[in-house]
Structures are given as structure tokens and as C-alpha cells.
Amino acid sequence: MLKFGVKSVILGSAVYYTIDKGVWKDSSTTSKLYEELEEGVSPYVGELKKQIPYELPPLPSNDRMTYLFKYYWNSGVKATFRFLIDLPTHATNAASKSYEFINSVIEPVDPAPRQDNEK
């Protein structure tokens, strides 16, 4: 319970901080905040690059990221609508297979022969 509480406080603080700084406002405010953050962090990044011998690969260009985002978004939309189009067929197949399975499990009950006590 304590672990959940600590995580909740950290998440709440992060959300409050981003709202307070204006991350979720209009794009000009967000751009200004990004520039301030970049200026504040750049000296530390330079020091960190000197200490780490590993060279990071360059980030993909904006055009490439836009293309990938559009491609995967469109793929997701197409897959969703393909599923919705095929949903009646899938539902019918599931219902018929369920019906066949239930019929195979439940054997018809034969009435027991009656014994007449009247002779």
C-alpha cells in the first residue's frame, strides 16, 4: 500500500508540475518552455557526453517521424475497421462453434423404461 501511495504522489506531482509550467497550454508556451529547458540542460549534457565514451546515433528527421506516425496510425485504423467489418462473421462462427460444442457435450437423455407395478 505504501508503494502505491508513493507512486501516486510522484505521478500527481509530475502532472501538477507540467500543468503549472504550461506544458499542456498552447504550442507557443510549450515551445518557449522547451527552449528554456534546453538552455538549462545543455551544460550538463556536454559534461555527460565527455564522461560517456558512447556516441548516440542521431534522431530521425522530422519528416521521417511524421511519415512513421501516419503509417502506423493508418495501419491501426485499417486493422480496427477490418475487425469491425468481419465482426458479424466472427460472431456467427463463434456462436455456431459454441452451439456445436454444447451439443456434443450434452448427450440426449433417453427416458428410462417404466416398470409397471400393475400386473
PDB file of N, CA and C in Angstrom:
ATOM      1  N   MET A   1       0.833  -1.182   0.000  1.00  0.00           N
ATOM      2  CA  MET A   1       0.000   0.000   0.000  1.00  0.00           C
ATOM      3  C   MET A   1       0.881   1.251   0.000  1.00  0.00           C
ATOM      4  N   LEU A   2       1.970   1.194   0.713  1.00  0.00           N
ATOM      5  CA  LEU A   2       2.891   2.323   0.764  1.00  0.00           C
ATOM      6  C   LEU A   2       3.514   2.569  -0.609  1.00  0.00           C
ATOM      7  N   LYS A   3       3.854   1.482  -1.306  1.00  0.00           N
ATOM      8  CA  LYS A   3       4.440   1.587  -2.632  1.00  0.00           C
ATOM      9  C   LYS A   3       3.469   2.279  -3.593  1.00  0.00           C
ATOM     10  N   PHE A   4       2.196   1.895  -3.542  1.00  0.00           N
ATOM     11  CA  PHE A   4       1.176   2.527  -4.383  1.00  0.00           C
ATOM     12  C   PHE A   4       1.032   4.003  -4.037  1.00  0.00           C
ATOM     13  N   GLY A   5       1.072   4.327  -2.748  1.00  0.00           N
ATOM     14  CA  GLY A   5       0.957   5.715  -2.317  1.00  0.00           C
ATOM     15  C   GLY A   5       2.106   6.569  -2.818  1.00  0.00           C
ATOM     16  N   VAL A   6       3.320   6.028  -2.743  1.00  0.00           N
ATOM     17  CA  VAL A   6       4.499   6.765  -3.206  1.00  0.00           C
ATOM     18  C   VAL A   6       4.424   6.993  -4.714  1.00  0.00           C
ATOM     19  N   LYS A   7       4.028   5.951  -5.457  1.00  0.00           N
ATOM     20  CA  LYS A   7       3.898   6.095  -6.905  1.00  0.00           C
ATOM     21  C   LYS A   7       2.825   7.116  -7.261  1.00  0.00           C
ATOM     22  N   SER A   8       1.723   7.107  -6.531  1.00  0.00           N
ATOM     23  CA  SER A   8       0.641   8.056  -6.788  1.00  0.00           C
ATOM     24  C   SER A   8       1.086   9.489  -6.529  1.00  0.00           C
ATOM     25  N   VAL A   9       1.842   9.698  -5.456  1.00  0.00           N
ATOM     26  CA  VAL A   9       2.336  11.036  -5.134  1.00  0.00           C
ATOM     27  C   VAL A   9       3.307  11.515  -6.206  1.00  0.00           C
ATOM     28  N   ILE A  10       4.187  10.643  -6.675  1.00  0.00           N
ATOM     29  CA  ILE A  10       5.143  11.026  -7.718  1.00  0.00           C
ATOM     30  C   ILE A  10       4.414  11.364  -9.005  1.00  0.00           C
ATOM     31  N   LEU A  11       3.452  10.537  -9.391  1.00  0.00           N
ATOM     32  CA  LEU A  11       2.689  10.799 -10.606  1.00  0.00           C
ATOM     33  C   LEU A  11       1.890  12.094 -10.486  1.00  0.00           C
ATOM     34  N   GLY A  12       1.230  12.284  -9.358  1.00  0.00           N
ATOM     35  CA  GLY A  12       0.455  13.507  -9.147  1.00  0.00           C
ATOM     36  C   GLY A  12       1.337  14.745  -9.171  1.00  0.00           C
ATOM     37  N   SER A  13       2.509  14.644  -8.576  1.00  0.00           N
ATOM     38  CA  SER A  13       3.435  15.769  -8.578  1.00  0.00           C
ATOM     39  C   SER A  13       3.911  16.093  -9.988  1.00  0.00           C
ATOM     40  N   ALA A  14       4.205  15.058 -10.770  1.00  0.00           N
ATOM     41  CA  ALA A  14       4.654  15.273 -12.144  1.00  0.00           C
ATOM     42  C   ALA A  14       3.561  15.936 -12.975  1.00  0.00           C
ATOM     43  N   VAL A  15       2.333  15.467 -12.834  1.00  0.00           N
ATOM     44  CA  VAL A  15       1.225  16.058 -13.582  1.00  0.00           C
ATOM     45  C   VAL A  15       1.010  17.500 -13.141  1.00  0.00           C
ATOM     46  N   TYR A  16       1.029  17.750 -11.834  1.00  0.00           N
ATOM     47  CA  TYR A  16       0.839  19.112 -11.330  1.00  0.00           C
ATOM     48  C   TYR A  16       1.945  20.032 -11.842  1.00  0.00           C
ATOM     49  N   TYR A  17       3.179  19.563 -11.820  1.00  0.00           N
ATOM     50  CA  TYR A  17       4.311  20.374 -12.260  1.00  0.00           C
ATOM     51  C   TYR A  17       4.181  20.736 -13.738  1.00  0.00           C
ATOM     52  N   THR A  18       3.797  19.752 -14.577  1.00  0.00           N
ATOM     53  CA  THR A  18       3.672  20.045 -16.008  1.00  0.00           C
ATOM     54  C   THR A  18       2.518  21.005 -16.276  1.00  0.00           C
ATOM     55  N   ILE A  19       1.443  20.883 -15.536  1.00  0.00           N
ATOM     56  CA  ILE A  19       0.328  21.820 -15.707  1.00  0.00           C
ATOM     57  C   ILE A  19       0.732  23.208 -15.232  1.00  0.00           C
ATOM     58  N   ASP A  20       1.441  23.270 -14.103  1.00  0.00           N
ATOM     59  CA  ASP A  20       1.866  24.550 -13.547  1.00  0.00           C
ATOM     60  C   ASP A  20       2.834  25.273 -14.487  1.00  0.00           C
ATOM     61  N   LYS A  21       3.720  24.520 -15.143  1.00  0.00           N
ATOM     62  CA  LYS A  21       4.697  25.123 -16.054  1.00  0.00           C
ATOM     63  C   LYS A  21       4.102  25.448 -17.418  1.00  0.00           C
ATOM     64  N   GLY A  22       2.937  24.929 -17.749  1.00  0.00           N
ATOM     65  CA  GLY A  22       2.276  25.266 -19.007  1.00  0.00           C
ATOM     66  C   GLY A  22       2.552  24.322 -20.156  1.00  0.00           C
ATOM     67  N   VAL A  23       2.931  23.094 -19.853  1.00  0.00           N
ATOM     68  CA  VAL A  23       3.203  22.129 -20.920  1.00  0.00           C
ATOM     69  C   VAL A  23       1.947  21.864 -21.742  1.00  0.00           C
ATOM     70  N   TRP A  24       0.797  21.868 -21.106  1.00  0.00           N
ATOM     71  CA  TRP A  24      -0.452  21.491 -21.776  1.00  0.00           C
ATOM     72  C   TRP A  24      -1.211  22.695 -22.323  1.00  0.00           C
ATOM     73  N   LYS A  25      -0.602  23.862 -22.335  1.00  0.00           N
ATOM     74  CA  LYS A  25      -1.255  25.046 -22.895  1.00  0.00           C
ATOM     75  C   LYS A  25      -1.014  25.093 -24.394  1.00  0.00           C
ATOM     76  N   ASP A  26      -1.068  26.266 -24.983  1.00  0.00           N
ATOM     77  CA  ASP A  26      -0.894  26.397 -26.430  1.00  0.00           C
ATOM     78  C   ASP A  26       0.544  26.077 -26.828  1.00  0.00           C
ATOM     79  N   SER A  27       0.760  25.898 -28.123  1.00  0.00           N
ATOM     80  CA  SER A  27       2.056  25.431 -28.602  1.00  0.00           C
ATOM     81  C   SER A  27       3.175  26.460 -28.405  1.00  0.00           C
ATOM     82  N   SER A  28       2.859  27.750 -28.421  1.00  0.00           N
ATOM     83  CA  SER A  28       3.924  28.748 -28.224  1.00  0.00           C
ATOM     84  C   SER A  28       4.468  28.673 -26.800  1.00  0.00           C
ATOM     85  N   THR A  29       3.596  28.463 -25.824  1.00  0.00           N
ATOM     86  CA  THR A  29       4.046  28.320 -24.433  1.00  0.00           C
ATOM     87  C   THR A  29       4.901  27.069 -24.279  1.00  0.00           C
ATOM     88  N   THR A  30       4.478  25.996 -24.914  1.00  0.00           N
ATOM     89  CA  THR A  30       5.236  24.746 -24.833  1.00  0.00           C
ATOM     90  C   THR A  30       6.590  24.893 -25.511  1.00  0.00           C
ATOM     91  N   SER A  31       6.635  25.580 -26.650  1.00  0.00           N
ATOM     92  CA  SER A  31       7.921  25.797 -27.349  1.00  0.00           C
ATOM     93  C   SER A  31       8.865  26.635 -26.499  1.00  0.00           C
ATOM     94  N   LYS A  32       8.335  27.667 -25.871  1.00  0.00           N
ATOM     95  CA  LYS A  32       9.151  28.515 -25.009  1.00  0.00           C
ATOM     96  C   LYS A  32       9.700  27.705 -23.827  1.00  0.00           C
ATOM     97  N   LEU A  33       8.864  26.860 -23.248  1.00  0.00           N
ATOM     98  CA  LEU A  33       9.286  26.019 -22.127  1.00  0.00           C
ATOM     99  C   LEU A  33      10.373  25.042 -22.571  1.00  0.00           C
ATOM    100  N   TYR A  34      10.222  24.491 -23.766  1.00  0.00           N
ATOM    101  CA  TYR A  34      11.230  23.569 -24.300  1.00  0.00           C
ATOM    102  C   TYR A  34      12.569  24.273 -24.490  1.00  0.00           C
ATOM    103  N   GLU A  35      12.540  25.489 -25.025  1.00  0.00           N
ATOM    104  CA  GLU A  35      13.780  26.245 -25.229  1.00  0.00           C
ATOM    105  C   GLU A  35      14.456  26.543 -23.898  1.00  0.00           C
ATOM    106  N   GLU A  36      13.672  26.916 -22.874  1.00  0.00           N
ATOM    107  CA  GLU A  36      14.246  27.169 -21.546  1.00  0.00           C
ATOM    108  C   GLU A  36      14.851  25.899 -20.973  1.00  0.00           C
ATOM    109  N   LEU A  37      14.168  24.790 -21.152  1.00  0.00           N
ATOM    110  CA  LEU A  37      14.676  23.519 -20.652  1.00  0.00           C
ATOM    111  C   LEU A  37      15.956  23.119 -21.369  1.00  0.00           C
ATOM    112  N   GLU A  38      15.998  23.333 -22.676  1.00  0.00           N
ATOM    113  CA  GLU A  38      17.189  23.004 -23.452  1.00  0.00           C
ATOM    114  C   GLU A  38      18.371  23.863 -23.029  1.00  0.00           C
ATOM    115  N   GLU A  39      18.136  25.152 -22.797  1.00  0.00           N
ATOM    116  CA  GLU A  39      19.214  26.038 -22.345  1.00  0.00           C
ATOM    117  C   GLU A  39      19.718  25.637 -20.960  1.00  0.00           C
ATOM    118  N   GLY A  40      18.827  25.231 -20.092  1.00  0.00           N
ATOM    119  CA  GLY A  40      19.223  24.854 -18.739  1.00  0.00           C
ATOM    120  C   GLY A  40      19.961  23.533 -18.672  1.00  0.00           C
ATOM    121  N   VAL A  41      19.649  22.617 -19.576  1.00  0.00           N
ATOM    122  CA  VAL A  41      20.220  21.270 -19.523  1.00  0.00           C
ATOM    123  C   VAL A  41      21.477  21.147 -20.375  1.00  0.00           C
ATOM    124  N   SER A  42      21.655  22.004 -21.359  1.00  0.00           N
ATOM    125  CA  SER A  42      22.766  21.848 -22.306  1.00  0.00           C
ATOM    126  C   SER A  42      24.150  21.798 -21.652  1.00  0.00           C
ATOM    127  N   PRO A  43      24.468  22.592 -20.601  1.00  0.00           N
ATOM    128  CA  PRO A  43      25.802  22.447 -19.998  1.00  0.00           C
ATOM    129  C   PRO A  43      26.016  21.063 -19.384  1.00  0.00           C
ATOM    130  N   TYR A  44      24.971  20.510 -18.787  1.00  0.00           N
ATOM    131  CA  TYR A  44      25.099  19.194 -18.150  1.00  0.00           C
ATOM    132  C   TYR A  44      25.216  18.088 -19.192  1.00  0.00           C
ATOM    133  N   VAL A  45      24.537  18.260 -20.308  1.00  0.00           N
ATOM    134  CA  VAL A  45      24.627  17.262 -21.373  1.00  0.00           C
ATOM    135  C   VAL A  45      26.031  17.252 -21.956  1.00  0.00           C
ATOM    136  N   GLY A  46      26.629  18.435 -22.113  1.00  0.00           N
ATOM    137  CA  GLY A  46      28.005  18.497 -22.612  1.00  0.00           C
ATOM    138  C   GLY A  46      28.972  17.780 -21.694  1.00  0.00           C
ATOM    139  N   GLU A  47      28.823  17.979 -20.384  1.00  0.00           N
ATOM    140  CA  GLU A  47      29.668  17.286 -19.405  1.00  0.00           C
ATOM    141  C   GLU A  47      29.426  15.781 -19.453  1.00  0.00           C
ATOM    142  N   LEU A  48      28.180  15.402 -19.592  1.00  0.00           N
ATOM    143  CA  LEU A  48      27.845  13.978 -19.630  1.00  0.00           C
ATOM    144  C   LEU A  48      28.419  13.319 -20.876  1.00  0.00           C
ATOM    145  N   LYS A  49      28.400  14.025 -21.999  1.00  0.00           N
ATOM    146  CA  LYS A  49      28.972  13.474 -23.232  1.00  0.00           C
ATOM    147  C   LYS A  49      30.476  13.262 -23.105  1.00  0.00           C
ATOM    148  N   LYS A  50      31.134  14.127 -22.357  1.00  0.00           N
ATOM    149  CA  LYS A  50      32.572  13.963 -22.153  1.00  0.00           C
ATOM    150  C   LYS A  50      32.873  12.736 -21.304  1.00  0.00           C
ATOM    151  N   GLN A  51      31.994  12.425 -20.361  1.00  0.00           N
ATOM    152  CA  GLN A  51      32.227  11.311 -19.447  1.00  0.00           C
ATOM    153  C   GLN A  51      31.841   9.959 -20.049  1.00  0.00           C
ATOM    154  N   ILE A  52      30.902   9.958 -20.987  1.00  0.00           N
ATOM    155  CA  ILE A  52      30.448   8.708 -21.590  1.00  0.00           C
ATOM    156  C   ILE A  52      31.106   8.572 -22.962  1.00  0.00           C
ATOM    157  N   PRO A  53      31.854   7.497 -23.179  1.00  0.00           N
ATOM    158  CA  PRO A  53      32.552   7.353 -24.461  1.00  0.00           C
ATOM    159  C   PRO A  53      31.628   6.917 -25.602  1.00  0.00           C
ATOM    160  N   TYR A  54      30.424   6.556 -25.315  1.00  0.00           N
ATOM    161  CA  TYR A  54      29.492   6.039 -26.331  1.00  0.00           C
ATOM    162  C   TYR A  54      28.826   7.186 -27.086  1.00  0.00           C
ATOM    163  N   GLU A  55      28.839   7.111 -28.396  1.00  0.00           N
ATOM    164  CA  GLU A  55      28.212   8.133 -29.230  1.00  0.00           C
ATOM    165  C   GLU A  55      26.807   7.675 -29.603  1.00  0.00           C
ATOM    166  N   LEU A  56      25.832   8.506 -29.303  1.00  0.00           N
ATOM    167  CA  LEU A  56      24.453   8.166 -29.616  1.00  0.00           C
ATOM    168  C   LEU A  56      24.155   8.441 -31.082  1.00  0.00           C
ATOM    169  N   PRO A  57      23.349   7.568 -31.710  1.00  0.00           N
ATOM    170  CA  PRO A  57      23.002   7.826 -33.107  1.00  0.00           C
ATOM    171  C   PRO A  57      22.080   9.040 -33.203  1.00  0.00           C
ATOM    172  N   PRO A  58      22.079   9.721 -34.336  1.00  0.00           N
ATOM    173  CA  PRO A  58      21.209  10.896 -34.475  1.00  0.00           C
ATOM    174  C   PRO A  58      19.739  10.493 -34.488  1.00  0.00           C
ATOM    175  N   LEU A  59      18.910  11.385 -34.014  1.00  0.00           N
ATOM    176  CA  LEU A  59      17.476  11.132 -34.026  1.00  0.00           C
ATOM    177  C   LEU A  59      16.964  11.199 -35.463  1.00  0.00           C
ATOM    178  N   PRO A  60      15.872  10.453 -35.745  1.00  0.00           N
ATOM    179  CA  PRO A  60      15.316  10.525 -37.096  1.00  0.00           C
ATOM    180  C   PRO A  60      14.826  11.935 -37.407  1.00  0.00           C
ATOM    181  N   SER A  61      14.824  12.272 -38.673  1.00  0.00           N
ATOM    182  CA  SER A  61      14.373  13.604 -39.070  1.00  0.00           C
ATOM    183  C   SER A  61      12.872  13.741 -38.821  1.00  0.00           C
ATOM    184  N   ASN A  62      12.425  14.967 -38.791  1.00  0.00           N
ATOM    185  CA  ASN A  62      11.026  15.251 -38.525  1.00  0.00           C
ATOM    186  C   ASN A  62      10.131  14.653 -39.611  1.00  0.00           C
ATOM    187  N   ASP A  63      10.595  14.709 -40.868  1.00  0.00           N
ATOM    188  CA  ASP A  63       9.806  14.140 -41.961  1.00  0.00           C
ATOM    189  C   ASP A  63       9.634  12.637 -41.793  1.00  0.00           C
ATOM    190  N   ARG A  64      10.694  11.976 -41.393  1.00  0.00           N
ATOM    191  CA  ARG A  64      10.642  10.518 -41.197  1.00  0.00           C
ATOM    192  C   ARG A  64       9.704  10.162 -40.045  1.00  0.00           C
ATOM    193  N   MET A  65       9.782  10.920 -38.959  1.00  0.00           N
ATOM    194  CA  MET A  65       8.907  10.666 -37.816  1.00  0.00           C
ATOM    195  C   MET A  65       7.447  10.888 -38.200  1.00  0.00           C
ATOM    196  N   THR A  66       7.183  11.936 -38.967  1.00  0.00           N
ATOM    197  CA  THR A  66       5.823  12.216 -39.414  1.00  0.00           C
ATOM    198  C   THR A  66       5.310  11.083 -40.285  1.00  0.00           C
ATOM    199  N   TYR A  67       6.154  10.613 -41.193  1.00  0.00           N
ATOM    200  CA  TYR A  67       5.759   9.508 -42.066  1.00  0.00           C
ATOM    201  C   TYR A  67       5.440   8.258 -41.252  1.00  0.00           C
ATOM    202  N   LEU A  68       6.339   7.912 -40.308  1.00  0.00           N
ATOM    203  CA  LEU A  68       6.120   6.718 -39.497  1.00  0.00           C
ATOM    204  C   LEU A  68       4.852   6.829 -38.659  1.00  0.00           C
ATOM    205  N   PHE A  69       4.635   8.007 -38.089  1.00  0.00           N
ATOM    206  CA  PHE A  69       3.436   8.197 -37.285  1.00  0.00           C
ATOM    207  C   PHE A  69       2.182   8.000 -38.132  1.00  0.00           C
ATOM    208  N   LYS A  70       2.152   8.623 -39.326  1.00  0.00           N
ATOM    209  CA  LYS A  70       0.998   8.482 -40.214  1.00  0.00           C
ATOM    210  C   LYS A  70       0.814   7.029 -40.651  1.00  0.00           C
ATOM    211  N   TYR A  71       1.918   6.367 -40.977  1.00  0.00           N
ATOM    212  CA  TYR A  71       1.838   4.991 -41.444  1.00  0.00           C
ATOM    213  C   TYR A  71       1.241   4.078 -40.375  1.00  0.00           C
ATOM    214  N   TYR A  72       1.780   4.156 -39.151  1.00  0.00           N
ATOM    215  CA  TYR A  72       1.295   3.271 -38.099  1.00  0.00           C
ATOM    216  C   TYR A  72      -0.113   3.658 -37.640  1.00  0.00           C
ATOM    217  N   TRP A  73      -0.429   4.934 -37.653  1.00  0.00           N
ATOM    218  CA  TRP A  73      -1.789   5.366 -37.317  1.00  0.00           C
ATOM    219  C   TRP A  73      -2.774   4.794 -38.336  1.00  0.00           C
ATOM    220  N   ASN A  74      -2.456   4.950 -39.622  1.00  0.00           N
ATOM    221  CA  ASN A  74      -3.343   4.436 -40.661  1.00  0.00           C
ATOM    222  C   ASN A  74      -3.458   2.914 -40.602  1.00  0.00           C
ATOM    223  N   SER A  75      -2.364   2.233 -40.291  1.00  0.00           N
ATOM    224  CA  SER A  75      -2.417   0.776 -40.150  1.00  0.00           C
ATOM    225  C   SER A  75      -3.347   0.373 -39.011  1.00  0.00           C
ATOM    226  N   GLY A  76      -3.281   1.107 -37.907  1.00  0.00           N
ATOM    227  CA  GLY A  76      -4.167   0.817 -36.785  1.00  0.00           C
ATOM    228  C   GLY A  76      -5.627   1.069 -37.121  1.00  0.00           C
ATOM    229  N   VAL A  77      -5.890   2.152 -37.835  1.00  0.00           N
ATOM    230  CA  VAL A  77      -7.268   2.462 -38.236  1.00  0.00           C
ATOM    231  C   VAL A  77      -7.794   1.394 -39.187  1.00  0.00           C
ATOM    232  N   LYS A  78      -6.969   0.992 -40.158  1.00  0.00           N
ATOM    233  CA  LYS A  78      -7.385  -0.046 -41.107  1.00  0.00           C
ATOM    234  C   LYS A  78      -7.663  -1.367 -40.395  1.00  0.00           C
ATOM    235  N   ALA A  79      -6.798  -1.748 -39.467  1.00  0.00           N
ATOM    236  CA  ALA A  79      -6.998  -3.001 -38.736  1.00  0.00           C
ATOM    237  C   ALA A  79      -8.267  -2.942 -37.891  1.00  0.00           C
ATOM    238  N   THR A  80      -8.539  -1.803 -37.282  1.00  0.00           N
ATOM    239  CA  THR A  80      -9.751  -1.658 -36.477  1.00  0.00           C
ATOM    240  C   THR A  80     -10.997  -1.812 -37.336  1.00  0.00           C
ATOM    241  N   PHE A  81     -11.024  -1.137 -38.478  1.00  0.00           N
ATOM    242  CA  PHE A  81     -12.201  -1.239 -39.334  1.00  0.00           C
ATOM    243  C   PHE A  81     -12.322  -2.612 -39.988  1.00  0.00           C
ATOM    244  N   ARG A  82     -11.201  -3.250 -40.294  1.00  0.00           N
ATOM    245  CA  ARG A  82     -11.248  -4.616 -40.815  1.00  0.00           C
ATOM    246  C   ARG A  82     -11.875  -5.544 -39.775  1.00  0.00           C
ATOM    247  N   PHE A  83     -11.498  -5.365 -38.520  1.00  0.00           N
ATOM    248  CA  PHE A  83     -12.085  -6.167 -37.449  1.00  0.00           C
ATOM    249  C   PHE A  83     -13.584  -5.898 -37.330  1.00  0.00           C
ATOM    250  N   LEU A  84     -13.971  -4.621 -37.397  1.00  0.00           N
ATOM    251  CA  LEU A  84     -15.393  -4.286 -37.283  1.00  0.00           C
ATOM    252  C   LEU A  84     -16.197  -4.822 -38.467  1.00  0.00           C
ATOM    253  N   ILE A  85     -15.616  -4.815 -39.658  1.00  0.00           N
ATOM    254  CA  ILE A  85     -16.300  -5.364 -40.821  1.00  0.00           C
ATOM    255  C   ILE A  85     -16.489  -6.871 -40.670  1.00  0.00           C
ATOM    256  N   ASP A  86     -15.471  -7.554 -40.160  1.00  0.00           N
ATOM    257  CA  ASP A  86     -15.533  -9.007 -40.012  1.00  0.00           C
ATOM    258  C   ASP A  86     -16.207  -9.448 -38.721  1.00  0.00           C
ATOM    259  N   LEU A  87     -16.607  -8.521 -37.875  1.00  0.00           N
ATOM    260  CA  LEU A  87     -17.194  -8.873 -36.582  1.00  0.00           C
ATOM    261  C   LEU A  87     -18.443  -9.737 -36.703  1.00  0.00           C
ATOM    262  N   PRO A  88     -19.391  -9.448 -37.604  1.00  0.00           N
ATOM    263  CA  PRO A  88     -20.549 -10.343 -37.711  1.00  0.00           C
ATOM    264  C   PRO A  88     -20.160 -11.775 -38.083  1.00  0.00           C
ATOM    265  N   THR A  89     -19.193 -11.920 -38.982  1.00  0.00           N
ATOM    266  CA  THR A  89     -18.740 -13.256 -39.367  1.00  0.00           C
ATOM    267  C   THR A  89     -18.102 -13.965 -38.181  1.00  0.00           C
ATOM    268  N   HIS A  90     -17.249 -13.245 -37.445  1.00  0.00           N
ATOM    269  CA  HIS A  90     -16.597 -13.844 -36.277  1.00  0.00           C
ATOM    270  C   HIS A  90     -17.629 -14.218 -35.216  1.00  0.00           C
ATOM    271  N   ALA A  91     -18.626 -13.366 -35.012  1.00  0.00           N
ATOM    272  CA  ALA A  91     -19.661 -13.651 -34.012  1.00  0.00           C
ATOM    273  C   ALA A  91     -20.488 -14.867 -34.420  1.00  0.00           C
ATOM    274  N   THR A  92     -20.830 -14.965 -35.705  1.00  0.00           N
ATOM    275  CA  THR A  92     -21.591 -16.117 -36.193  1.00  0.00           C
ATOM    276  C   THR A  92     -20.784 -17.398 -36.044  1.00  0.00           C
ATOM    277  N   ASN A  93     -19.512 -17.357 -36.423  1.00  0.00           N
ATOM    278  CA  ASN A  93     -18.657 -18.544 -36.277  1.00  0.00           C
ATOM    279  C   ASN A  93     -18.523 -18.955 -34.819  1.00  0.00           C
ATOM    280  N   ALA A  94     -18.344 -17.993 -33.945  1.00  0.00           N
ATOM    281  CA  ALA A  94     -18.210 -18.308 -32.515  1.00  0.00           C
ATOM    282  C   ALA A  94     -19.499 -18.903 -31.974  1.00  0.00           C
ATOM    283  N   ALA A  95     -20.639 -18.352 -32.384  1.00  0.00           N
ATOM    284  CA  ALA A  95     -21.922 -18.876 -31.900  1.00  0.00           C
ATOM    285  C   ALA A  95     -22.163 -20.290 -32.407  1.00  0.00           C
ATOM    286  N   SER A  96     -21.866 -20.554 -33.683  1.00  0.00           N
ATOM    287  CA  SER A  96     -22.104 -21.899 -34.215  1.00  0.00           C
ATOM    288  C   SER A  96     -21.152 -22.916 -33.592  1.00  0.00           C
ATOM    289  N   LYS A  97     -19.894 -22.532 -33.384  1.00  0.00           N
ATOM    290  CA  LYS A  97     -18.955 -23.467 -32.746  1.00  0.00           C
ATOM    291  C   LYS A  97     -19.344 -23.723 -31.290  1.00  0.00           C
ATOM    292  N   SER A  98     -19.823 -22.691 -30.604  1.00  0.00           N
ATOM    293  CA  SER A  98     -20.280 -22.876 -29.224  1.00  0.00           C
ATOM    294  C   SER A  98     -21.487 -23.797 -29.183  1.00  0.00           C
ATOM    295  N   TYR A  99     -22.404 -23.621 -30.113  1.00  0.00           N
ATOM    296  CA  TYR A  99     -23.599 -24.461 -30.172  1.00  0.00           C
ATOM    297  C   TYR A  99     -23.214 -25.917 -30.434  1.00  0.00           C
ATOM    298  N   GLU A 100     -22.294 -26.136 -31.398  1.00  0.00           N
ATOM    299  CA  GLU A 100     -21.846 -27.496 -31.705  1.00  0.00           C
ATOM    300  C   GLU A 100     -21.138 -28.122 -30.507  1.00  0.00           C
ATOM    301  N   PHE A 101     -20.314 -27.350 -29.814  1.00  0.00           N
ATOM    302  CA  PHE A 101     -19.598 -27.870 -28.652  1.00  0.00           C
ATOM    303  C   PHE A 101     -20.569 -28.253 -27.546  1.00  0.00           C
ATOM    304  N   ILE A 102     -21.535 -27.393 -27.280  1.00  0.00           N
ATOM    305  CA  ILE A 102     -22.508 -27.681 -26.215  1.00  0.00           C
ATOM    306  C   ILE A 102     -23.328 -28.906 -26.579  1.00  0.00           C
ATOM    307  N   ASN A 103     -23.711 -29.032 -27.851  1.00  0.00           N
ATOM    308  CA  ASN A 103     -24.473 -30.215 -28.281  1.00  0.00           C
ATOM    309  C   ASN A 103     -23.650 -31.480 -28.167  1.00  0.00           C
ATOM    310  N   SER A 104     -22.364 -31.408 -28.431  1.00  0.00           N
ATOM    311  CA  SER A 104     -21.536 -32.609 -28.327  1.00  0.00           C
ATOM    312  C   SER A 104     -21.284 -33.001 -26.874  1.00  0.00           C
ATOM    313  N   VAL A 105     -21.292 -32.039 -25.983  1.00  0.00           N
ATOM    314  CA  VAL A 105     -21.055 -32.338 -24.569  1.00  0.00           C
ATOM    315  C   VAL A 105     -22.316 -32.892 -23.908  1.00  0.00           C
ATOM    316  N   ILE A 106     -23.433 -32.302 -24.239  1.00  0.00           N
ATOM    317  CA  ILE A 106     -24.696 -32.736 -23.633  1.00  0.00           C
ATOM    318  C   ILE A 106     -25.273 -33.856 -24.485  1.00  0.00           C
ATOM    319  N   GLU A 107     -25.355 -35.042 -23.896  1.00  0.00           N
ATOM    320  CA  GLU A 107     -25.938 -36.170 -24.613  1.00  0.00           C
ATOM    321  C   GLU A 107     -27.442 -36.134 -24.414  1.00  0.00           C
ATOM    322  N   PRO A 108     -28.171 -36.530 -25.417  1.00  0.00           N
ATOM    323  CA  PRO A 108     -29.621 -36.559 -25.221  1.00  0.00           C
ATOM    324  C   PRO A 108     -29.985 -37.580 -24.146  1.00  0.00           C
ATOM    325  N   VAL A 109     -30.897 -37.218 -23.315  1.00  0.00           N
ATOM    326  CA  VAL A 109     -31.304 -38.077 -22.211  1.00  0.00           C
ATOM    327  C   VAL A 109     -32.399 -39.010 -22.716  1.00  0.00           C
ATOM    328  N   ASP A 110     -32.111 -40.326 -22.629  1.00  0.00           N
ATOM    329  CA  ASP A 110     -33.127 -41.329 -23.008  1.00  0.00           C
ATOM    330  C   ASP A 110     -34.015 -41.576 -21.803  1.00  0.00           C
ATOM    331  N   PRO A 111     -35.329 -41.583 -22.018  1.00  0.00           N
ATOM    332  CA  PRO A 111     -36.201 -41.863 -20.877  1.00  0.00           C
ATOM    333  C   PRO A 111     -35.995 -43.298 -20.405  1.00  0.00           C
ATOM    334  N   ALA A 112     -35.943 -43.467 -19.134  1.00  0.00           N
ATOM    335  CA  ALA A 112     -35.763 -44.799 -18.543  1.00  0.00           C
ATOM    336  C   ALA A 112     -37.033 -45.614 -18.767  1.00  0.00           C
ATOM    337  N   PRO A 113     -36.887 -46.896 -19.031  1.00  0.00           N
ATOM    338  CA  PRO A 113     -38.081 -47.722 -19.234  1.00  0.00           C
ATOM    339  C   PRO A 113     -38.899 -47.781 -17.947  1.00  0.00           C
ATOM    340  N   ARG A 114     -40.190 -47.652 -18.104  1.00  0.00           N
ATOM    341  CA  ARG A 114     -41.083 -47.670 -16.939  1.00  0.00           C
ATOM    342  C   ARG A 114     -41.376 -49.108 -16.536  1.00  0.00           C
ATOM    343  N   GLN A 115     -41.344 -49.292 -15.302  1.00  0.00           N
ATOM    344  CA  GLN A 115     -41.707 -50.609 -14.779  1.00  0.00           C
ATOM    345  C   GLN A 115     -43.116 -50.481 -14.206  1.00  0.00           C
ATOM    346  N   ASP A 116     -43.960 -51.278 -14.767  1.00  0.00           N
ATOM    347  CA  ASP A 116     -45.330 -51.242 -14.301  1.00  0.00           C
ATOM    348  C   ASP A 116     -45.493 -52.166 -13.089  1.00  0.00           C
ATOM    349  N   ASN A 117     -45.983 -51.616 -12.015  1.00  0.00           N
ATOM    350  CA  ASN A 117     -46.232 -52.424 -10.834  1.00  0.00           C
ATOM    351  C   ASN A 117     -47.591 -53.131 -10.951  1.00  0.00           C
ATOM    352  N   GLU A 118     -48.358 -52.717 -11.899  1.00  0.00           N
ATOM    353  CA  GLU A 118     -49.662 -53.333 -12.077  1.00  0.00           C
ATOM    354  C   GLU A 118     -49.536 -54.505 -13.025  1.00  0.00           C
ATOM    355  N   LYS A 119     -49.751 -55.643 -12.562  1.00  0.00           N
ATOM    356  CA  LYS A 119     -49.714 -56.819 -13.387  1.00  0.00           C
ATOM    357  C   LYS A 119     -50.987 -57.545 -13.317  1.00  0.00           C
TER     358      LYS A 119
END
